[in-house]
N, C-alpha and C. Protein backbone atom coordinates (compact mmCIF):
# COMPACT_ATOMS: atom_id res chain seq x y z
N MET A 1 -38.18 1.12 -18.59
CA MET A 1 -37.02 1.91 -18.20
C MET A 1 -36.36 1.22 -17.00
N LYS A 2 -35.04 1.17 -17.02
CA LYS A 2 -34.26 0.59 -15.93
C LYS A 2 -33.49 1.70 -15.22
N LEU A 3 -33.40 1.60 -13.91
CA LEU A 3 -32.62 2.53 -13.10
C LEU A 3 -31.36 1.82 -12.64
N ILE A 4 -30.21 2.36 -13.04
CA ILE A 4 -28.91 1.83 -12.64
C ILE A 4 -28.27 2.86 -11.73
N VAL A 5 -28.00 2.49 -10.48
CA VAL A 5 -27.41 3.41 -9.51
C VAL A 5 -26.04 2.91 -9.13
N GLY A 6 -25.03 3.72 -9.38
CA GLY A 6 -23.69 3.42 -8.91
C GLY A 6 -23.49 4.05 -7.56
N LEU A 7 -23.00 3.27 -6.62
CA LEU A 7 -22.76 3.83 -5.28
C LEU A 7 -21.33 4.36 -5.19
N GLY A 8 -21.18 5.43 -4.44
CA GLY A 8 -19.88 6.05 -4.24
C GLY A 8 -20.02 7.28 -3.38
N ASN A 9 -18.95 8.01 -3.28
CA ASN A 9 -18.93 9.27 -2.53
C ASN A 9 -18.67 10.41 -3.51
N PRO A 10 -19.44 11.50 -3.40
CA PRO A 10 -19.25 12.62 -4.33
C PRO A 10 -17.98 13.42 -4.02
N GLY A 11 -17.47 14.07 -5.02
CA GLY A 11 -16.34 14.98 -4.83
C GLY A 11 -15.02 14.42 -5.31
N ALA A 12 -14.15 15.33 -5.70
CA ALA A 12 -12.84 14.96 -6.25
C ALA A 12 -12.00 14.17 -5.26
N ARG A 13 -12.19 14.41 -3.98
CA ARG A 13 -11.41 13.72 -2.96
C ARG A 13 -11.56 12.20 -3.04
N TYR A 14 -12.72 11.73 -3.50
CA TYR A 14 -13.01 10.30 -3.53
C TYR A 14 -12.88 9.68 -4.92
N ALA A 15 -12.61 10.48 -5.92
CA ALA A 15 -12.49 9.95 -7.29
C ALA A 15 -11.36 8.92 -7.35
N GLY A 16 -11.64 7.82 -7.99
CA GLY A 16 -10.62 6.79 -8.18
C GLY A 16 -10.41 5.88 -6.98
N THR A 17 -11.23 6.02 -5.93
CA THR A 17 -11.08 5.15 -4.77
C THR A 17 -11.85 3.85 -4.98
N ARG A 18 -11.53 2.87 -4.17
CA ARG A 18 -12.21 1.58 -4.25
C ARG A 18 -13.71 1.73 -4.00
N HIS A 19 -14.08 2.59 -3.09
CA HIS A 19 -15.49 2.77 -2.73
C HIS A 19 -16.28 3.42 -3.87
N ASN A 20 -15.61 4.00 -4.85
CA ASN A 20 -16.30 4.69 -5.94
C ASN A 20 -16.38 3.86 -7.22
N VAL A 21 -16.12 2.59 -7.14
CA VAL A 21 -16.19 1.74 -8.33
C VAL A 21 -17.60 1.77 -8.93
N GLY A 22 -18.63 1.86 -8.10
CA GLY A 22 -20.00 1.96 -8.61
C GLY A 22 -20.18 3.20 -9.49
N PHE A 23 -19.63 4.33 -9.05
CA PHE A 23 -19.66 5.55 -9.87
C PHE A 23 -18.91 5.31 -11.18
N ASP A 24 -17.76 4.64 -11.10
CA ASP A 24 -16.95 4.41 -12.29
C ASP A 24 -17.71 3.59 -13.33
N VAL A 25 -18.48 2.61 -12.87
CA VAL A 25 -19.24 1.76 -13.80
C VAL A 25 -20.34 2.56 -14.48
N VAL A 26 -21.11 3.35 -13.73
CA VAL A 26 -22.17 4.13 -14.39
C VAL A 26 -21.57 5.22 -15.28
N ASP A 27 -20.40 5.74 -14.92
CA ASP A 27 -19.71 6.68 -15.81
C ASP A 27 -19.34 5.99 -17.13
N GLU A 28 -18.89 4.74 -17.05
CA GLU A 28 -18.54 3.99 -18.25
C GLU A 28 -19.77 3.77 -19.14
N VAL A 29 -20.89 3.41 -18.54
CA VAL A 29 -22.12 3.21 -19.32
C VAL A 29 -22.57 4.54 -19.94
N ALA A 30 -22.49 5.62 -19.19
CA ALA A 30 -22.85 6.94 -19.72
C ALA A 30 -21.94 7.31 -20.90
N ARG A 31 -20.65 7.04 -20.77
CA ARG A 31 -19.72 7.34 -21.85
C ARG A 31 -20.10 6.57 -23.12
N ARG A 32 -20.37 5.29 -22.98
CA ARG A 32 -20.74 4.45 -24.12
C ARG A 32 -21.98 4.94 -24.83
N ARG A 33 -22.92 5.46 -24.07
CA ARG A 33 -24.20 5.88 -24.64
C ARG A 33 -24.27 7.39 -24.87
N ALA A 34 -23.15 8.08 -24.68
CA ALA A 34 -23.08 9.53 -24.88
C ALA A 34 -24.12 10.27 -24.05
N LEU A 35 -24.24 9.87 -22.79
CA LEU A 35 -25.15 10.53 -21.86
C LEU A 35 -24.35 11.39 -20.90
N ALA A 36 -24.92 12.53 -20.53
CA ALA A 36 -24.27 13.44 -19.59
C ALA A 36 -25.07 13.49 -18.29
N PHE A 37 -24.35 13.55 -17.17
CA PHE A 37 -25.00 13.65 -15.87
C PHE A 37 -25.39 15.09 -15.58
N GLY A 38 -26.55 15.25 -14.98
CA GLY A 38 -27.03 16.56 -14.57
C GLY A 38 -27.87 16.42 -13.32
N SER A 39 -28.62 17.44 -13.02
CA SER A 39 -29.43 17.43 -11.80
C SER A 39 -30.59 16.45 -11.94
N SER A 40 -31.19 16.14 -10.80
CA SER A 40 -32.33 15.23 -10.77
C SER A 40 -33.29 15.70 -9.68
N PRO A 41 -34.47 15.08 -9.60
CA PRO A 41 -35.41 15.44 -8.54
C PRO A 41 -35.04 14.80 -7.19
N ALA A 42 -33.88 14.19 -7.13
CA ALA A 42 -33.39 13.55 -5.91
C ALA A 42 -32.01 14.09 -5.59
N GLU A 43 -31.46 13.64 -4.48
CA GLU A 43 -30.09 14.02 -4.12
C GLU A 43 -29.13 13.13 -4.90
N ALA A 44 -29.10 13.33 -6.21
CA ALA A 44 -28.28 12.50 -7.09
C ALA A 44 -28.04 13.22 -8.39
N LEU A 45 -26.95 12.85 -9.03
CA LEU A 45 -26.74 13.24 -10.42
C LEU A 45 -27.39 12.17 -11.27
N MET A 46 -27.96 12.56 -12.39
CA MET A 46 -28.71 11.63 -13.21
C MET A 46 -28.38 11.83 -14.68
N ALA A 47 -28.31 10.74 -15.40
CA ALA A 47 -28.18 10.75 -16.86
C ALA A 47 -29.23 9.78 -17.38
N ARG A 48 -29.96 10.19 -18.42
CA ARG A 48 -31.01 9.29 -18.91
C ARG A 48 -31.20 9.40 -20.40
N GLU A 49 -31.61 8.28 -20.95
CA GLU A 49 -32.01 8.28 -22.36
C GLU A 49 -33.39 8.93 -22.46
N ARG A 50 -33.63 9.54 -23.58
CA ARG A 50 -34.92 10.20 -23.80
C ARG A 50 -35.47 9.77 -25.16
N GLY A 51 -36.76 9.95 -25.31
CA GLY A 51 -37.40 9.68 -26.58
C GLY A 51 -37.87 8.24 -26.69
N PRO A 52 -38.42 7.90 -27.86
CA PRO A 52 -38.92 6.55 -28.08
C PRO A 52 -37.80 5.53 -27.93
N GLY A 53 -38.07 4.46 -27.27
CA GLY A 53 -37.07 3.42 -27.09
C GLY A 53 -36.12 3.67 -25.94
N ALA A 54 -36.31 4.75 -25.18
CA ALA A 54 -35.45 5.02 -24.03
C ALA A 54 -35.61 3.90 -23.02
N ARG A 55 -34.49 3.37 -22.55
CA ARG A 55 -34.53 2.22 -21.66
C ARG A 55 -33.70 2.37 -20.40
N LEU A 56 -33.02 3.50 -20.23
CA LEU A 56 -32.00 3.56 -19.21
C LEU A 56 -31.94 4.91 -18.51
N MET A 57 -31.84 4.85 -17.18
CA MET A 57 -31.54 6.01 -16.36
C MET A 57 -30.37 5.62 -15.45
N LEU A 58 -29.36 6.46 -15.39
CA LEU A 58 -28.19 6.24 -14.54
C LEU A 58 -28.20 7.27 -13.42
N ALA A 59 -27.75 6.86 -12.24
CA ALA A 59 -27.72 7.81 -11.13
C ALA A 59 -26.49 7.59 -10.27
N LYS A 60 -26.02 8.71 -9.69
CA LYS A 60 -24.93 8.70 -8.71
C LYS A 60 -25.39 9.54 -7.52
N PRO A 61 -25.72 8.87 -6.40
CA PRO A 61 -26.18 9.63 -5.22
C PRO A 61 -25.15 10.65 -4.75
N LEU A 62 -25.64 11.77 -4.29
CA LEU A 62 -24.79 12.82 -3.73
C LEU A 62 -24.85 12.83 -2.22
N THR A 63 -25.41 11.79 -1.64
CA THR A 63 -25.66 11.72 -0.20
C THR A 63 -24.51 11.10 0.58
N PHE A 64 -23.43 10.75 -0.09
CA PHE A 64 -22.34 9.97 0.47
C PHE A 64 -22.83 8.54 0.67
N MET A 65 -21.88 7.63 0.67
CA MET A 65 -22.16 6.21 0.62
C MET A 65 -23.17 5.74 1.65
N ASN A 66 -22.98 6.10 2.91
CA ASN A 66 -23.80 5.54 3.98
C ASN A 66 -25.25 6.00 3.98
N LEU A 67 -25.59 6.98 3.16
CA LEU A 67 -26.97 7.46 3.04
C LEU A 67 -27.51 7.28 1.63
N SER A 68 -26.91 6.41 0.85
CA SER A 68 -27.30 6.21 -0.55
C SER A 68 -28.77 5.87 -0.71
N GLY A 69 -29.33 5.14 0.24
CA GLY A 69 -30.73 4.73 0.14
C GLY A 69 -31.68 5.90 0.04
N ARG A 70 -31.34 7.00 0.66
CA ARG A 70 -32.20 8.18 0.59
C ARG A 70 -32.39 8.62 -0.85
N ALA A 71 -31.30 8.75 -1.59
CA ALA A 71 -31.38 9.18 -2.99
C ALA A 71 -32.05 8.11 -3.85
N VAL A 72 -31.70 6.85 -3.62
CA VAL A 72 -32.31 5.76 -4.40
C VAL A 72 -33.82 5.74 -4.18
N GLY A 73 -34.24 5.84 -2.93
CA GLY A 73 -35.67 5.84 -2.62
C GLY A 73 -36.40 6.99 -3.29
N GLU A 74 -35.78 8.17 -3.29
CA GLU A 74 -36.39 9.34 -3.93
C GLU A 74 -36.59 9.09 -5.42
N LEU A 75 -35.58 8.52 -6.08
CA LEU A 75 -35.69 8.25 -7.52
C LEU A 75 -36.74 7.18 -7.81
N VAL A 76 -36.74 6.13 -7.03
CA VAL A 76 -37.71 5.05 -7.23
C VAL A 76 -39.14 5.58 -7.06
N ARG A 77 -39.37 6.37 -6.03
CA ARG A 77 -40.71 6.92 -5.81
C ARG A 77 -41.10 7.93 -6.89
N TYR A 78 -40.20 8.85 -7.21
CA TYR A 78 -40.52 9.91 -8.17
C TYR A 78 -40.84 9.34 -9.55
N TYR A 79 -40.02 8.39 -10.01
CA TYR A 79 -40.21 7.83 -11.35
C TYR A 79 -41.03 6.53 -11.34
N ARG A 80 -41.46 6.11 -10.17
CA ARG A 80 -42.30 4.92 -9.99
C ARG A 80 -41.68 3.66 -10.60
N PHE A 81 -40.42 3.44 -10.26
CA PHE A 81 -39.72 2.24 -10.71
C PHE A 81 -40.20 1.03 -9.93
N ASP A 82 -40.41 -0.09 -10.61
CA ASP A 82 -40.58 -1.37 -9.94
C ASP A 82 -39.23 -1.81 -9.42
N ARG A 83 -39.19 -2.52 -8.33
CA ARG A 83 -37.92 -3.00 -7.77
C ARG A 83 -37.16 -3.87 -8.78
N ASP A 84 -37.89 -4.60 -9.63
CA ASP A 84 -37.25 -5.46 -10.64
C ASP A 84 -36.49 -4.65 -11.70
N ASP A 85 -36.75 -3.36 -11.77
CA ASP A 85 -36.11 -2.51 -12.77
C ASP A 85 -34.96 -1.69 -12.20
N VAL A 86 -34.53 -2.03 -10.99
CA VAL A 86 -33.45 -1.30 -10.31
C VAL A 86 -32.23 -2.21 -10.18
N LEU A 87 -31.07 -1.68 -10.54
CA LEU A 87 -29.79 -2.36 -10.34
C LEU A 87 -28.87 -1.41 -9.59
N ILE A 88 -28.35 -1.88 -8.46
CA ILE A 88 -27.40 -1.11 -7.66
C ILE A 88 -26.01 -1.68 -7.92
N VAL A 89 -25.06 -0.81 -8.24
CA VAL A 89 -23.68 -1.23 -8.54
C VAL A 89 -22.78 -0.70 -7.43
N ALA A 90 -22.02 -1.63 -6.81
CA ALA A 90 -21.20 -1.25 -5.66
C ALA A 90 -19.92 -2.06 -5.60
N ASP A 91 -18.97 -1.55 -4.84
CA ASP A 91 -17.73 -2.27 -4.55
C ASP A 91 -17.99 -3.38 -3.55
N ASP A 92 -17.10 -4.35 -3.49
CA ASP A 92 -17.22 -5.44 -2.51
C ASP A 92 -15.83 -5.87 -2.06
N VAL A 93 -15.54 -5.66 -0.78
CA VAL A 93 -14.23 -6.05 -0.24
C VAL A 93 -14.11 -7.55 -0.04
N ASN A 94 -15.22 -8.27 -0.08
CA ASN A 94 -15.20 -9.71 0.12
C ASN A 94 -14.97 -10.49 -1.17
N LEU A 95 -14.84 -9.79 -2.28
CA LEU A 95 -14.54 -10.42 -3.56
C LEU A 95 -13.12 -10.06 -3.98
N PRO A 96 -12.44 -11.00 -4.64
CA PRO A 96 -11.11 -10.68 -5.17
C PRO A 96 -11.18 -9.50 -6.15
N LEU A 97 -10.10 -8.79 -6.24
CA LEU A 97 -10.03 -7.61 -7.11
C LEU A 97 -10.50 -7.95 -8.53
N GLY A 98 -11.50 -7.21 -8.99
CA GLY A 98 -12.00 -7.35 -10.35
C GLY A 98 -13.07 -8.41 -10.54
N ARG A 99 -13.35 -9.24 -9.57
CA ARG A 99 -14.38 -10.28 -9.70
C ARG A 99 -15.76 -9.65 -9.65
N LEU A 100 -16.67 -10.10 -10.49
CA LEU A 100 -18.04 -9.59 -10.52
C LEU A 100 -18.98 -10.59 -9.89
N ARG A 101 -20.02 -10.07 -9.23
CA ARG A 101 -21.08 -10.92 -8.71
C ARG A 101 -22.40 -10.17 -8.83
N ALA A 102 -23.28 -10.70 -9.65
CA ALA A 102 -24.63 -10.14 -9.79
C ALA A 102 -25.59 -11.03 -9.01
N ARG A 103 -26.58 -10.41 -8.38
CA ARG A 103 -27.58 -11.14 -7.61
C ARG A 103 -28.94 -10.47 -7.79
N ARG A 104 -29.97 -11.29 -7.71
CA ARG A 104 -31.35 -10.81 -7.82
C ARG A 104 -31.76 -10.04 -6.55
N GLY A 105 -31.25 -10.42 -5.41
CA GLY A 105 -31.60 -9.79 -4.14
C GLY A 105 -30.64 -10.29 -3.08
N GLY A 106 -30.98 -10.06 -1.84
CA GLY A 106 -30.14 -10.58 -0.76
C GLY A 106 -29.81 -9.52 0.27
N SER A 107 -28.86 -9.86 1.09
CA SER A 107 -28.48 -8.97 2.19
C SER A 107 -27.54 -7.87 1.71
N ASP A 108 -27.18 -7.02 2.63
CA ASP A 108 -26.24 -5.94 2.30
C ASP A 108 -24.79 -6.43 2.33
N GLY A 109 -24.54 -7.61 2.86
CA GLY A 109 -23.19 -8.17 2.90
C GLY A 109 -22.20 -7.33 3.68
N GLY A 110 -22.70 -6.51 4.62
CA GLY A 110 -21.81 -5.67 5.42
C GLY A 110 -21.43 -4.37 4.74
N HIS A 111 -22.01 -4.07 3.59
CA HIS A 111 -21.71 -2.84 2.85
C HIS A 111 -22.68 -1.75 3.30
N ASN A 112 -22.15 -0.66 3.84
CA ASN A 112 -23.01 0.38 4.40
C ASN A 112 -23.90 1.06 3.37
N GLY A 113 -23.41 1.24 2.16
CA GLY A 113 -24.24 1.83 1.11
C GLY A 113 -25.40 0.92 0.75
N LEU A 114 -25.13 -0.37 0.58
CA LEU A 114 -26.20 -1.32 0.30
C LEU A 114 -27.16 -1.43 1.49
N ARG A 115 -26.63 -1.35 2.71
CA ARG A 115 -27.50 -1.38 3.89
C ARG A 115 -28.49 -0.23 3.85
N SER A 116 -28.03 0.94 3.47
CA SER A 116 -28.90 2.10 3.36
C SER A 116 -29.98 1.88 2.31
N VAL A 117 -29.62 1.27 1.19
CA VAL A 117 -30.61 0.98 0.13
C VAL A 117 -31.60 -0.07 0.62
N VAL A 118 -31.11 -1.11 1.29
CA VAL A 118 -31.99 -2.15 1.85
C VAL A 118 -32.97 -1.53 2.84
N ASP A 119 -32.52 -0.59 3.64
CA ASP A 119 -33.40 0.07 4.61
C ASP A 119 -34.57 0.76 3.93
N VAL A 120 -34.38 1.21 2.70
CA VAL A 120 -35.41 1.94 1.97
C VAL A 120 -36.22 1.03 1.05
N LEU A 121 -35.56 0.13 0.33
CA LEU A 121 -36.24 -0.69 -0.68
C LEU A 121 -36.54 -2.11 -0.23
N GLY A 122 -35.94 -2.54 0.89
CA GLY A 122 -36.01 -3.95 1.22
C GLY A 122 -34.92 -4.67 0.45
N THR A 123 -34.96 -5.99 0.43
CA THR A 123 -33.87 -6.76 -0.19
C THR A 123 -34.17 -7.16 -1.63
N ALA A 124 -35.35 -6.85 -2.15
CA ALA A 124 -35.76 -7.32 -3.47
C ALA A 124 -35.37 -6.35 -4.58
N PHE A 125 -34.08 -6.15 -4.78
CA PHE A 125 -33.57 -5.38 -5.91
C PHE A 125 -32.27 -6.05 -6.34
N ALA A 126 -31.96 -5.92 -7.63
CA ALA A 126 -30.74 -6.52 -8.17
C ALA A 126 -29.54 -5.68 -7.77
N ARG A 127 -28.43 -6.39 -7.64
CA ARG A 127 -27.18 -5.69 -7.34
C ARG A 127 -26.05 -6.33 -8.11
N LEU A 128 -25.08 -5.51 -8.48
CA LEU A 128 -23.87 -5.95 -9.15
C LEU A 128 -22.71 -5.46 -8.30
N ARG A 129 -21.93 -6.41 -7.81
CA ARG A 129 -20.79 -6.07 -6.96
C ARG A 129 -19.50 -6.29 -7.75
N ILE A 130 -18.56 -5.39 -7.54
CA ILE A 130 -17.25 -5.47 -8.17
C ILE A 130 -16.22 -5.61 -7.06
N GLY A 131 -15.44 -6.69 -7.12
CA GLY A 131 -14.46 -6.95 -6.09
C GLY A 131 -13.35 -5.92 -6.06
N VAL A 132 -13.06 -5.44 -4.86
CA VAL A 132 -11.95 -4.50 -4.64
C VAL A 132 -10.95 -5.09 -3.66
N ASP A 133 -11.19 -6.34 -3.24
CA ASP A 133 -10.32 -7.07 -2.32
C ASP A 133 -10.30 -6.42 -0.94
N ARG A 134 -10.01 -7.17 0.05
CA ARG A 134 -9.97 -6.69 1.43
C ARG A 134 -8.65 -6.01 1.76
N GLY A 135 -7.60 -6.42 1.08
CA GLY A 135 -6.31 -5.85 1.40
C GLY A 135 -5.76 -6.43 2.69
N ASP A 136 -4.79 -5.79 3.24
CA ASP A 136 -4.14 -6.21 4.48
C ASP A 136 -5.15 -6.14 5.62
N ARG A 137 -5.42 -7.26 6.26
CA ARG A 137 -6.42 -7.33 7.33
C ARG A 137 -6.00 -6.51 8.56
N ARG A 138 -4.73 -6.16 8.66
CA ARG A 138 -4.27 -5.33 9.77
C ARG A 138 -4.59 -3.86 9.52
N ARG A 139 -4.88 -3.53 8.28
CA ARG A 139 -5.18 -2.15 7.90
C ARG A 139 -6.67 -1.87 8.14
N ASP A 140 -6.97 -0.66 8.55
CA ASP A 140 -8.36 -0.24 8.77
C ASP A 140 -9.14 -0.34 7.46
N LEU A 141 -10.30 -1.00 7.51
CA LEU A 141 -11.10 -1.22 6.30
C LEU A 141 -11.54 0.11 5.67
N ALA A 142 -11.93 1.07 6.49
CA ALA A 142 -12.36 2.37 5.95
C ALA A 142 -11.23 3.02 5.17
N ASN A 143 -10.02 2.96 5.68
CA ASN A 143 -8.88 3.53 4.96
C ASN A 143 -8.65 2.79 3.65
N HIS A 144 -8.86 1.47 3.67
CA HIS A 144 -8.66 0.67 2.46
C HIS A 144 -9.64 1.07 1.37
N VAL A 145 -10.93 1.14 1.68
CA VAL A 145 -11.91 1.44 0.63
C VAL A 145 -11.86 2.89 0.18
N LEU A 146 -11.30 3.76 1.00
CA LEU A 146 -11.18 5.17 0.61
C LEU A 146 -9.83 5.49 -0.04
N ALA A 147 -9.02 4.45 -0.25
CA ALA A 147 -7.72 4.62 -0.92
C ALA A 147 -7.88 4.37 -2.41
N THR A 148 -7.00 4.97 -3.18
CA THR A 148 -7.00 4.74 -4.63
C THR A 148 -6.28 3.43 -4.93
N PHE A 149 -6.49 2.94 -6.14
CA PHE A 149 -5.83 1.72 -6.59
C PHE A 149 -4.39 2.03 -6.96
N ASP A 150 -3.47 1.09 -6.69
CA ASP A 150 -2.10 1.27 -7.15
C ASP A 150 -2.02 0.85 -8.62
N GLU A 151 -0.89 1.08 -9.25
CA GLU A 151 -0.74 0.82 -10.69
C GLU A 151 -1.04 -0.63 -11.06
N ALA A 152 -0.54 -1.57 -10.27
CA ALA A 152 -0.79 -2.99 -10.56
C ALA A 152 -2.28 -3.32 -10.46
N GLU A 153 -2.96 -2.75 -9.47
CA GLU A 153 -4.40 -2.99 -9.31
C GLU A 153 -5.20 -2.38 -10.45
N LEU A 154 -4.75 -1.23 -10.96
CA LEU A 154 -5.45 -0.58 -12.08
C LEU A 154 -5.48 -1.48 -13.32
N GLU A 155 -4.45 -2.30 -13.49
CA GLU A 155 -4.43 -3.22 -14.63
C GLU A 155 -5.53 -4.25 -14.55
N THR A 156 -6.04 -4.51 -13.36
CA THR A 156 -7.15 -5.45 -13.17
C THR A 156 -8.49 -4.73 -13.09
N ILE A 157 -8.54 -3.61 -12.38
CA ILE A 157 -9.83 -2.97 -12.13
C ILE A 157 -10.36 -2.23 -13.36
N ARG A 158 -9.51 -1.66 -14.17
CA ARG A 158 -10.00 -0.95 -15.37
C ARG A 158 -10.79 -1.88 -16.29
N PRO A 159 -10.24 -3.06 -16.66
CA PRO A 159 -11.05 -3.96 -17.50
C PRO A 159 -12.29 -4.48 -16.76
N ALA A 160 -12.20 -4.63 -15.44
CA ALA A 160 -13.36 -5.10 -14.68
C ALA A 160 -14.49 -4.06 -14.73
N ILE A 161 -14.15 -2.79 -14.71
CA ILE A 161 -15.16 -1.73 -14.83
C ILE A 161 -15.83 -1.83 -16.20
N GLY A 162 -15.05 -2.08 -17.24
CA GLY A 162 -15.62 -2.27 -18.57
C GLY A 162 -16.53 -3.49 -18.63
N THR A 163 -16.11 -4.58 -18.03
CA THR A 163 -16.93 -5.79 -18.01
C THR A 163 -18.20 -5.56 -17.19
N ALA A 164 -18.08 -4.83 -16.09
CA ALA A 164 -19.27 -4.49 -15.30
C ALA A 164 -20.22 -3.62 -16.13
N GLY A 165 -19.67 -2.73 -16.96
CA GLY A 165 -20.51 -1.96 -17.88
C GLY A 165 -21.25 -2.88 -18.85
N ASP A 166 -20.57 -3.93 -19.32
CA ASP A 166 -21.22 -4.92 -20.18
C ASP A 166 -22.36 -5.61 -19.42
N ALA A 167 -22.12 -5.94 -18.15
CA ALA A 167 -23.15 -6.59 -17.33
C ALA A 167 -24.36 -5.68 -17.15
N VAL A 168 -24.12 -4.39 -16.98
CA VAL A 168 -25.23 -3.43 -16.88
C VAL A 168 -26.04 -3.46 -18.16
N GLU A 169 -25.36 -3.44 -19.30
CA GLU A 169 -26.06 -3.47 -20.60
C GLU A 169 -26.92 -4.72 -20.72
N VAL A 170 -26.39 -5.86 -20.29
CA VAL A 170 -27.15 -7.11 -20.34
C VAL A 170 -28.35 -7.04 -19.40
N PHE A 171 -28.17 -6.48 -18.21
CA PHE A 171 -29.30 -6.30 -17.29
C PHE A 171 -30.40 -5.49 -17.97
N VAL A 172 -30.03 -4.42 -18.65
CA VAL A 172 -31.02 -3.54 -19.28
C VAL A 172 -31.78 -4.29 -20.38
N THR A 173 -31.07 -5.06 -21.17
CA THR A 173 -31.73 -5.73 -22.31
C THR A 173 -32.34 -7.08 -21.97
N ASP A 174 -31.70 -7.84 -21.08
CA ASP A 174 -32.10 -9.24 -20.86
C ASP A 174 -32.44 -9.58 -19.41
N GLY A 175 -32.17 -8.70 -18.47
CA GLY A 175 -32.52 -8.95 -17.07
C GLY A 175 -31.38 -9.51 -16.23
N ILE A 176 -31.64 -9.61 -14.94
CA ILE A 176 -30.61 -9.99 -13.99
C ILE A 176 -30.20 -11.44 -14.13
N ASP A 177 -31.12 -12.34 -14.45
CA ASP A 177 -30.75 -13.75 -14.55
C ASP A 177 -29.71 -13.99 -15.64
N VAL A 178 -29.89 -13.36 -16.77
CA VAL A 178 -28.93 -13.50 -17.87
C VAL A 178 -27.58 -12.87 -17.46
N ALA A 179 -27.65 -11.71 -16.82
CA ALA A 179 -26.41 -11.07 -16.36
C ALA A 179 -25.67 -11.96 -15.36
N MET A 180 -26.41 -12.58 -14.46
CA MET A 180 -25.78 -13.48 -13.47
C MET A 180 -25.10 -14.63 -14.19
N ASN A 181 -25.79 -15.27 -15.11
CA ASN A 181 -25.23 -16.42 -15.81
C ASN A 181 -24.00 -16.07 -16.63
N ARG A 182 -24.00 -14.89 -17.19
CA ARG A 182 -22.92 -14.50 -18.09
C ARG A 182 -21.70 -13.91 -17.38
N PHE A 183 -21.94 -13.20 -16.25
CA PHE A 183 -20.85 -12.39 -15.69
C PHE A 183 -20.37 -12.80 -14.30
N ASN A 184 -21.12 -13.59 -13.56
CA ASN A 184 -20.65 -13.95 -12.23
C ASN A 184 -19.33 -14.70 -12.32
N GLY A 185 -18.37 -14.23 -11.53
CA GLY A 185 -17.05 -14.83 -11.53
C GLY A 185 -16.08 -14.20 -12.49
N GLU A 186 -16.55 -13.29 -13.35
CA GLU A 186 -15.66 -12.63 -14.32
C GLU A 186 -14.58 -11.82 -13.59
N VAL A 187 -13.38 -11.87 -14.12
CA VAL A 187 -12.29 -11.05 -13.61
C VAL A 187 -11.68 -10.30 -14.77
């Protein structure tokens, strides 16, 4: 079983924002597999396959971005996931809009949600980042990531969310190395 966690902020106020791209990706995977999100034993919404051959659990922390590690840690402990079976999906302002980057491990890259996960799990977990671009450097970064995409950006980010969903599927079936080789740099 693989645990895929999309990072974001709960609530309608944050829907469609750059910071919620992780939620958008796990929503896309849930849609493809006809899975519905419901309660979980952690501070997260969860959707999971059941029965023989079940390979996937999706989660969206309800702790807000900066405390995501709390929910991730609860799920990992409760279901006894190995770190190799965890993929965290998050936005990245340091990547061009729509660019994907999968990694086996590493630092938080200045992302507060990933920092929270690193605080709980250490650095040995896979992550998939989706570029949301930095935007105007004179603009406050927090305002940028909490803003919605404009129409022109949606033409890039919508297909990128679909491609990120493909990368999640590859992670589940073939692992992070195959996902890295196939999807890094995709726009």
